[in-house]
C-alpha atoms as a PDB file:
ATOM      1  CA  MET A   1     -51.193  -7.110 -79.678  1.00  0.00           C
ATOM      2  CA  LYS A   2     -50.073 -10.644 -80.441  1.00  0.00           C
ATOM      3  CA  GLN A   3     -51.535 -10.456 -83.955  1.00  0.00           C
ATOM      4  CA  LEU A   4     -49.876  -7.090 -84.543  1.00  0.00           C
ATOM      5  CA  SER A   5     -46.558  -8.505 -83.304  1.00  0.00           C
ATOM      6  CA  MET A   6     -46.776 -11.482 -85.645  1.00  0.00           C
ATOM      7  CA  VAL A   7     -47.546  -9.238 -88.620  1.00  0.00           C
ATOM      8  CA  LEU A   8     -44.567  -7.029 -87.740  1.00  0.00           C
ATOM      9  CA  PHE A   9     -42.235 -10.029 -87.360  1.00  0.00           C
ATOM     10  CA  ASN A  10     -43.360 -11.400 -90.741  1.00  0.00           C
ATOM     11  CA  LYS A  11     -42.807  -8.018 -92.405  1.00  0.00           C
ATOM     12  CA  MET A  12     -39.345  -7.764 -90.833  1.00  0.00           C
ATOM     13  CA  GLU A  13     -38.449 -11.270 -92.045  1.00  0.00           C
ATOM     14  CA  ASN A  14     -39.450 -10.331 -95.585  1.00  0.00           C
ATOM     15  CA  ALA A  15     -37.622  -6.991 -95.484  1.00  0.00           C
ATOM     16  CA  LEU A  16     -34.455  -8.647 -94.147  1.00  0.00           C
ATOM     17  CA  GLN A  17     -34.847 -11.566 -96.569  1.00  0.00           C
ATOM     18  CA  VAL A  18     -34.612 -14.114 -93.770  1.00  0.00           C
ATOM     19  CA  GLN A  19     -34.785 -17.610 -95.229  1.00  0.00           C
ATOM     20  CA  ALA A  20     -36.403 -20.360 -93.156  1.00  0.00           C
ATOM     21  CA  ALA A  21     -33.620 -22.749 -94.183  1.00  0.00           C
ATOM     22  CA  GLU A  22     -30.976 -20.409 -92.743  1.00  0.00           C
ATOM     23  CA  ILE A  23     -32.504 -19.743 -89.328  1.00  0.00           C
ATOM     24  CA  LYS A  24     -35.784 -20.214 -87.593  1.00  0.00           C
ATOM     25  CA  GLY A  25     -38.007 -17.260 -88.517  1.00  0.00           C
ATOM     26  CA  MET A  26     -38.641 -14.477 -86.014  1.00  0.00           C
ATOM     27  CA  SER A  27     -42.387 -15.078 -85.999  1.00  0.00           C
ATOM     28  CA  GLU A  28     -41.795 -18.760 -85.183  1.00  0.00           C
ATOM     29  CA  VAL A  29     -39.385 -17.980 -82.349  1.00  0.00           C
ATOM     30  CA  PHE A  30     -41.690 -15.464 -80.690  1.00  0.00           C
ATOM     31  CA  LYS A  31     -45.144 -16.975 -81.339  1.00  0.00           C
ATOM     32  CA  ASP A  32     -45.445 -18.774 -77.968  1.00  0.00           C
ATOM     33  CA  ARG A  33     -43.372 -16.402 -75.839  1.00  0.00           C
ATOM     34  CA  THR A  34     -44.507 -14.408 -72.864  1.00  0.00           C
ATOM     35  CA  GLN A  35     -46.168 -11.108 -73.601  1.00  0.00           C
ATOM     36  CA  ALA A  36     -46.823  -8.284 -71.227  1.00  0.00           C
ATOM     37  CA  MET A  37     -48.927  -5.190 -71.419  1.00  0.00           C
ATOM     38  CA  ARG A  38     -48.401  -2.109 -69.327  1.00  0.00           C
ATOM     39  CA  MET A  39     -50.359   1.109 -69.403  1.00  0.00           C
ATOM     40  CA  ASN A  40     -48.810   4.301 -68.134  1.00  0.00           C
ATOM     41  CA  TYR A  41     -50.317   7.755 -68.017  1.00  0.00           C
ATOM     42  CA  TYR A  42     -47.959  10.689 -68.018  1.00  0.00           C
ATOM     43  CA  PRO A  43     -49.819  13.985 -67.659  1.00  0.00           C
ATOM     44  CA  PRO A  44     -48.070  17.143 -68.846  1.00  0.00           C
ATOM     45  CA  CYS A  45     -45.456  18.186 -66.300  1.00  0.00           C
ATOM     46  CA  PRO A  46     -45.957  21.742 -64.985  1.00  0.00           C
ATOM     47  CA  LYS A  47     -42.174  22.132 -64.434  1.00  0.00           C
ATOM     48  CA  PRO A  48     -40.407  19.880 -66.987  1.00  0.00           C
ATOM     49  CA  ASN A  49     -37.024  21.451 -66.218  1.00  0.00           C
ATOM     50  CA  LEU A  50     -37.271  19.895 -62.730  1.00  0.00           C
ATOM     51  CA  ALA A  51     -38.299  16.406 -63.941  1.00  0.00           C
ATOM     52  CA  ILE A  52     -35.689  13.655 -63.936  1.00  0.00           C
ATOM     53  CA  GLY A  53     -37.461  10.947 -65.944  1.00  0.00           C
ATOM     54  CA  LEU A  54     -36.117   7.455 -66.530  1.00  0.00           C
ATOM     55  CA  THR A  55     -32.491   6.675 -67.131  1.00  0.00           C
ATOM     56  CA  SER A  56     -31.526   5.846 -70.692  1.00  0.00           C
ATOM     57  CA  HIS A  57     -32.000   2.180 -71.558  1.00  0.00           C
ATOM     58  CA  SER A  58     -32.590  -0.246 -74.382  1.00  0.00           C
ATOM     59  CA  ASP A  59     -35.504  -2.631 -74.636  1.00  0.00           C
ATOM     60  CA  PHE A  60     -34.374  -6.206 -74.033  1.00  0.00           C
ATOM     61  CA  GLY A  61     -37.220  -8.165 -75.646  1.00  0.00           C
ATOM     62  CA  GLY A  62     -38.319  -8.693 -79.225  1.00  0.00           C
ATOM     63  CA  LEU A  63     -40.595  -5.719 -79.818  1.00  0.00           C
ATOM     64  CA  THR A  64     -41.996  -2.912 -77.715  1.00  0.00           C
ATOM     65  CA  ILE A  65     -45.166  -1.452 -79.181  1.00  0.00           C
ATOM     66  CA  LEU A  66     -46.114   1.982 -77.890  1.00  0.00           C
ATOM     67  CA  LEU A  67     -49.335   3.905 -78.371  1.00  0.00           C
ATOM     68  CA  GLN A  68     -48.968   7.522 -77.351  1.00  0.00           C
ATOM     69  CA  ILE A  69     -52.490   8.807 -76.761  1.00  0.00           C
ATOM     70  CA  ASN A  70     -51.796  12.389 -75.805  1.00  0.00           C
ATOM     71  CA  GLU A  71     -49.544  15.112 -77.110  1.00  0.00           C
ATOM     72  CA  VAL A  72     -47.011  14.813 -74.279  1.00  0.00           C
ATOM     73  CA  GLU A  73     -43.477  14.351 -75.577  1.00  0.00           C
ATOM     74  CA  GLY A  74     -41.556  11.991 -73.331  1.00  0.00           C
ATOM     75  CA  LEU A  75     -40.104   9.278 -75.517  1.00  0.00           C
ATOM     76  CA  GLN A  76     -36.655  10.098 -76.830  1.00  0.00           C
ATOM     77  CA  ILE A  77     -34.192   8.317 -79.081  1.00  0.00           C
ATOM     78  CA  LYS A  78     -30.446   8.805 -79.234  1.00  0.00           C
ATOM     79  CA  LYS A  79     -29.104   9.653 -82.667  1.00  0.00           C
ATOM     80  CA  ASP A  80     -25.481  10.600 -83.295  1.00  0.00           C
ATOM     81  CA  GLY A  81     -24.962  11.152 -79.557  1.00  0.00           C
ATOM     82  CA  THR A  82     -27.912  13.539 -79.201  1.00  0.00           C
ATOM     83  CA  TRP A  83     -31.256  12.799 -77.537  1.00  0.00           C
ATOM     84  CA  ILE A  84     -34.199  13.664 -79.798  1.00  0.00           C
ATOM     85  CA  SER A  85     -37.850  13.787 -78.695  1.00  0.00           C
ATOM     86  CA  VAL A  86     -40.258  11.562 -80.611  1.00  0.00           C
ATOM     87  CA  LYS A  87     -43.322  13.611 -81.473  1.00  0.00           C
ATOM     88  CA  PRO A  88     -46.516  11.626 -80.833  1.00  0.00           C
ATOM     89  CA  LEU A  89     -48.458  10.795 -83.992  1.00  0.00           C
ATOM     90  CA  PRO A  90     -52.243  10.470 -83.554  1.00  0.00           C
ATOM     91  CA  ASN A  91     -53.520   6.888 -83.913  1.00  0.00           C
ATOM     92  CA  ALA A  92     -50.037   5.483 -84.603  1.00  0.00           C
ATOM     93  CA  PHE A  93     -47.910   2.880 -82.887  1.00  0.00           C
ATOM     94  CA  VAL A  94     -44.217   3.415 -82.202  1.00  0.00           C
ATOM     95  CA  VAL A  95     -42.338   0.121 -82.490  1.00  0.00           C
ATOM     96  CA  ASN A  96     -39.001  -0.330 -80.728  1.00  0.00           C
ATOM     97  CA  VAL A  97     -36.871  -3.251 -81.829  1.00  0.00           C
ATOM     98  CA  GLY A  98     -35.405  -4.950 -78.758  1.00  0.00           C
ATOM     99  CA  ASP A  99     -31.893  -6.140 -78.032  1.00  0.00           C
ATOM    100  CA  ILE A 100     -32.738  -9.788 -78.680  1.00  0.00           C
ATOM    101  CA  MET A 101     -33.444  -8.958 -82.318  1.00  0.00           C
ATOM    102  CA  GLU A 102     -29.707  -8.506 -82.888  1.00  0.00           C
ATOM    103  CA  VAL A 103     -29.637 -12.298 -83.247  1.00  0.00           C
ATOM    104  CA  PHE A 104     -31.663 -11.969 -86.452  1.00  0.00           C
ATOM    105  CA  ILE A 105     -30.391  -8.683 -87.844  1.00  0.00           C
END
């Protein structure tokens, strides 16, 4: 995960045209930071209309890397005031950019 994170930070720096002389690069800032891994399993809910789920939130860190391994839709994003389900893509990571990245963007 750390290697994937560093590749993503480097790609973001290039895409945003971040110059090392202007600010310390994202990959440099995050290279020695704490990382955490959590695995959750959410089986299909037999009565989704009765499920509450988590409250809406933003991710506070640098990156959140998600691997959705089943076809259960649970992750949602808010676009133009409407919550939209993110359809799981087989063998793909979903990358959420955290609040702390606003410093760089």
